[in-house]
C-alpha atoms as a PDB file:
ATOM      1  CA  MET A   1      88.199 -14.082 -27.996  1.00  0.00           C
ATOM      2  CA  TYR A   2      85.977 -13.665 -31.055  1.00  0.00           C
ATOM      3  CA  GLY A   3      82.250 -14.108 -30.495  1.00  0.00           C
ATOM      4  CA  ARG A   4      82.398 -13.545 -26.742  1.00  0.00           C
ATOM      5  CA  SER A   5      79.542 -11.533 -25.272  1.00  0.00           C
ATOM      6  CA  ALA A   6      79.751  -9.496 -22.128  1.00  0.00           C
ATOM      7  CA  PRO A   7      76.332  -8.230 -21.053  1.00  0.00           C
ATOM      8  CA  ILE A   8      76.452  -5.023 -19.097  1.00  0.00           C
ATOM      9  CA  CYS A   9      73.581  -3.691 -17.006  1.00  0.00           C
ATOM     10  CA  PHE A  10      73.449  -0.126 -15.750  1.00  0.00           C
ATOM     11  CA  HIS A  11      70.940   2.536 -14.749  1.00  0.00           C
ATOM     12  CA  HIS A  12      70.433   5.535 -16.986  1.00  0.00           C
ATOM     13  CA  ARG A  13      70.357   8.521 -14.620  1.00  0.00           C
ATOM     14  CA  GLY A  14      67.966  10.627 -16.682  1.00  0.00           C
ATOM     15  CA  ALA A  15      65.025   8.256 -16.625  1.00  0.00           C
ATOM     16  CA  GLY A  16      66.092   5.862 -13.883  1.00  0.00           C
ATOM     17  CA  LEU A  17      65.324   2.921 -16.159  1.00  0.00           C
ATOM     18  CA  PRO A  18      67.570  -0.161 -16.391  1.00  0.00           C
ATOM     19  CA  PHE A  19      69.113  -0.707 -19.804  1.00  0.00           C
ATOM     20  CA  SER A  20      70.912  -3.721 -21.193  1.00  0.00           C
ATOM     21  CA  VAL A  21      73.862  -3.391 -23.542  1.00  0.00           C
ATOM     22  CA  THR A  22      75.637  -6.364 -25.093  1.00  0.00           C
ATOM     23  CA  ARG A  23      79.072  -6.072 -26.633  1.00  0.00           C
ATOM     24  CA  THR A  24      80.401  -8.756 -28.938  1.00  0.00           C
ATOM     25  CA  ASP A  25      83.950  -8.737 -30.268  1.00  0.00           C
ATOM     26  CA  GLY A  26      83.888 -10.297 -33.727  1.00  0.00           C
ATOM     27  CA  PRO A  27      86.310 -10.576 -36.638  1.00  0.00           C
ATOM     28  CA  ASP A  28      85.254  -7.099 -37.835  1.00  0.00           C
ATOM     29  CA  GLY A  29      85.869  -5.506 -34.458  1.00  0.00           C
ATOM     30  CA  PRO A  30      83.545  -4.747 -31.571  1.00  0.00           C
ATOM     31  CA  SER A  31      79.845  -4.439 -32.214  1.00  0.00           C
ATOM     32  CA  ARG A  32      77.127  -3.333 -29.831  1.00  0.00           C
ATOM     33  CA  SER A  33      73.428  -3.917 -29.657  1.00  0.00           C
ATOM     34  CA  LEU A  34      71.197  -0.949 -29.028  1.00  0.00           C
ATOM     35  CA  PRO A  35      70.136  -0.309 -25.424  1.00  0.00           C
ATOM     36  CA  ARG A  36      66.750  -1.759 -24.595  1.00  0.00           C
ATOM     37  CA  ILE A  37      64.543  -1.261 -21.591  1.00  0.00           C
ATOM     38  CA  HIS A  38      63.939  -4.389 -19.548  1.00  0.00           C
ATOM     39  CA  SER A  39      60.287  -5.328 -19.515  1.00  0.00           C
ATOM     40  CA  GLY A  40      58.784  -4.962 -16.074  1.00  0.00           C
ATOM     41  CA  ALA A  41      60.859  -1.888 -15.253  1.00  0.00           C
ATOM     42  CA  SER A  42      59.155  -0.115 -12.382  1.00  0.00           C
ATOM     43  CA  VAL A  43      59.779   3.550 -11.731  1.00  0.00           C
ATOM     44  CA  LYS A  44      58.678   5.512  -8.653  1.00  0.00           C
ATOM     45  CA  LEU A  45      57.954   9.203  -9.195  1.00  0.00           C
ATOM     46  CA  GLU A  46      56.904  11.889  -6.708  1.00  0.00           C
ATOM     47  CA  ARG A  47      55.560  15.310  -7.517  1.00  0.00           C
ATOM     48  CA  GLU A  48      54.110  18.160  -5.475  1.00  0.00           C
ATOM     49  CA  ILE A  49      50.810  19.459  -6.819  1.00  0.00           C
ATOM     50  CA  GLU A  50      48.428  22.152  -5.644  1.00  0.00           C
ATOM     51  CA  VAL A  51      44.645  22.047  -5.673  1.00  0.00           C
ATOM     52  CA  ILE A  52      43.761  25.205  -7.622  1.00  0.00           C
ATOM     53  CA  ASN A  53      40.077  24.752  -8.368  1.00  0.00           C
ATOM     54  CA  ARG A  54      37.751  26.781  -6.132  1.00  0.00           C
ATOM     55  CA  LEU A  55      35.835  23.819  -4.675  1.00  0.00           C
ATOM     56  CA  GLY A  56      38.878  21.636  -3.954  1.00  0.00           C
ATOM     57  CA  LEU A  57      38.655  17.854  -4.197  1.00  0.00           C
ATOM     58  CA  HIS A  58      34.865  17.570  -4.089  1.00  0.00           C
ATOM     59  CA  ALA A  59      32.875  14.560  -5.373  1.00  0.00           C
ATOM     60  CA  ARG A  60      32.974  15.448  -9.081  1.00  0.00           C
ATOM     61  CA  ALA A  61      36.706  16.251  -9.033  1.00  0.00           C
ATOM     62  CA  CYS A  62      37.429  13.024  -7.140  1.00  0.00           C
ATOM     63  CA  ALA A  63      35.380  11.030  -9.658  1.00  0.00           C
ATOM     64  CA  SER A  64      37.384  12.572 -12.527  1.00  0.00           C
ATOM     65  CA  LEU A  65      40.630  11.731 -10.760  1.00  0.00           C
ATOM     66  CA  VAL A  66      39.586   8.110 -10.142  1.00  0.00           C
ATOM     67  CA  LYS A  67      38.449   7.752 -13.765  1.00  0.00           C
ATOM     68  CA  ALA A  68      41.899   8.885 -14.927  1.00  0.00           C
ATOM     69  CA  ALA A  69      43.850   6.845 -12.349  1.00  0.00           C
ATOM     70  CA  VAL A  70      42.209   3.486 -13.102  1.00  0.00           C
ATOM     71  CA  GLN A  71      43.479   3.689 -16.685  1.00  0.00           C
ATOM     72  CA  PHE A  72      47.026   3.030 -15.440  1.00  0.00           C
ATOM     73  CA  SER A  73      48.575  -0.124 -14.001  1.00  0.00           C
ATOM     74  CA  SER A  74      50.840   1.893 -11.692  1.00  0.00           C
ATOM     75  CA  THR A  75      49.980   2.396  -8.052  1.00  0.00           C
ATOM     76  CA  ILE A  76      48.943   6.014  -7.571  1.00  0.00           C
ATOM     77  CA  ALA A  77      48.708   7.681  -4.171  1.00  0.00           C
ATOM     78  CA  LEU A  78      48.106  11.189  -2.889  1.00  0.00           C
ATOM     79  CA  LYS A  79      49.560  12.329   0.449  1.00  0.00           C
ATOM     80  CA  HIS A  80      48.498  15.225   2.658  1.00  0.00           C
ATOM     81  CA  ASP A  81      49.192  15.973   6.341  1.00  0.00           C
ATOM     82  CA  GLY A  82      50.495  12.480   7.048  1.00  0.00           C
ATOM     83  CA  GLN A  83      47.517  10.819   5.342  1.00  0.00           C
ATOM     84  CA  SER A  84      47.933   8.759   2.211  1.00  0.00           C
ATOM     85  CA  CYS A  85      45.200   7.441  -0.035  1.00  0.00           C
ATOM     86  CA  ASP A  86      44.867   5.375  -3.173  1.00  0.00           C
ATOM     87  CA  ALA A  87      43.973   7.712  -6.049  1.00  0.00           C
ATOM     88  CA  LYS A  88      41.809   4.916  -7.452  1.00  0.00           C
ATOM     89  CA  SER A  89      39.490   5.164  -4.411  1.00  0.00           C
ATOM     90  CA  ILE A  90      36.898   7.933  -4.458  1.00  0.00           C
ATOM     91  CA  MET A  91      36.244   7.605  -0.715  1.00  0.00           C
ATOM     92  CA  GLY A  92      39.950   7.774   0.076  1.00  0.00           C
ATOM     93  CA  LEU A  93      40.325  10.929  -2.004  1.00  0.00           C
ATOM     94  CA  MET A  94      37.361  12.610  -0.357  1.00  0.00           C
ATOM     95  CA  MET A  95      38.762  11.780   3.096  1.00  0.00           C
ATOM     96  CA  LEU A  96      41.793  13.949   2.288  1.00  0.00           C
ATOM     97  CA  ALA A  97      39.432  16.949   2.479  1.00  0.00           C
ATOM     98  CA  ALA A  98      41.757  18.915   0.194  1.00  0.00           C
ATOM     99  CA  THR A  99      40.514  22.466  -0.313  1.00  0.00           C
ATOM    100  CA  GLN A 100      41.741  25.129  -2.719  1.00  0.00           C
ATOM    101  CA  GLY A 101      45.397  25.896  -2.046  1.00  0.00           C
ATOM    102  CA  THR A 102      46.146  22.500  -0.480  1.00  0.00           C
ATOM    103  CA  ARG A 103      49.522  21.098  -1.501  1.00  0.00           C
ATOM    104  CA  LEU A 104      49.534  17.351  -2.105  1.00  0.00           C
ATOM    105  CA  THR A 105      52.295  14.877  -2.849  1.00  0.00           C
ATOM    106  CA  LEU A 106      51.573  12.622  -5.803  1.00  0.00           C
ATOM    107  CA  VAL A 107      53.396   9.276  -5.595  1.00  0.00           C
ATOM    108  CA  VAL A 108      53.230   6.964  -8.612  1.00  0.00           C
ATOM    109  CA  GLU A 109      55.042   3.658  -9.022  1.00  0.00           C
ATOM    110  CA  GLY A 110      54.914   1.268 -11.953  1.00  0.00           C
ATOM    111  CA  GLU A 111      55.719   0.717 -15.604  1.00  0.00           C
ATOM    112  CA  ASP A 112      53.491   3.567 -16.813  1.00  0.00           C
ATOM    113  CA  SER A 113      54.291   5.963 -13.973  1.00  0.00           C
ATOM    114  CA  GLN A 114      55.399   8.876 -16.161  1.00  0.00           C
ATOM    115  CA  GLN A 115      52.209   8.758 -18.229  1.00  0.00           C
ATOM    116  CA  ALA A 116      50.126   8.563 -15.042  1.00  0.00           C
ATOM    117  CA  VAL A 117      51.899  11.569 -13.498  1.00  0.00           C
ATOM    118  CA  ASN A 118      51.430  13.575 -16.699  1.00  0.00           C
ATOM    119  CA  ARG A 119      47.697  12.804 -16.855  1.00  0.00           C
ATOM    120  CA  ILE A 120      47.021  13.572 -13.186  1.00  0.00           C
ATOM    121  CA  VAL A 121      49.024  16.803 -13.248  1.00  0.00           C
ATOM    122  CA  GLU A 122      47.058  17.776 -16.362  1.00  0.00           C
ATOM    123  CA  LEU A 123      43.775  17.193 -14.483  1.00  0.00           C
ATOM    124  CA  PHE A 124      44.856  19.371 -11.562  1.00  0.00           C
ATOM    125  CA  SER A 125      46.185  22.088 -13.908  1.00  0.00           C
ATOM    126  CA  ASP A 126      42.908  22.058 -15.837  1.00  0.00           C
ATOM    127  CA  ARG A 127      40.942  22.422 -12.561  1.00  0.00           C
ATOM    128  CA  PHE A 128      39.236  19.087 -13.333  1.00  0.00           C
ATOM    129  CA  GLY A 129      37.422  20.767 -16.221  1.00  0.00           C
ATOM    130  CA  GLU A 130      35.759  23.355 -13.987  1.00  0.00           C
ATOM    131  CA  GLU A 131      35.565  27.054 -14.806  1.00  0.00           C
ATOM    132  CA  GLU A 132      37.126  28.250 -11.548  1.00  0.00           C
END
């Protein structure tokens, strides 16, 4: 009975990330390793965002969005009216023709999805660095 390990895998509901916990019963009683995130954990996040800058997703705003998106390994897409485009494609973004007030769905999937969502939401909130 001593020295036996029973690995347990479960999903943490808060982050949706798989954790691994190992319990070993030794002569001094049970001991546990700290939870660790499996490498390669992929998380899919969706978030509704609104285009608030006056000119909408014009060329300069799209270029800023692409510049931010390519920094992440996650797949990043924007959806509007049944259309979906890769946020790493300036032409795809411009084809959305998103004007001020347009509500988009941001879909991000990958290991760095939370960081990607945070950065893209920040861009939209900051009006892509524009005054209006």
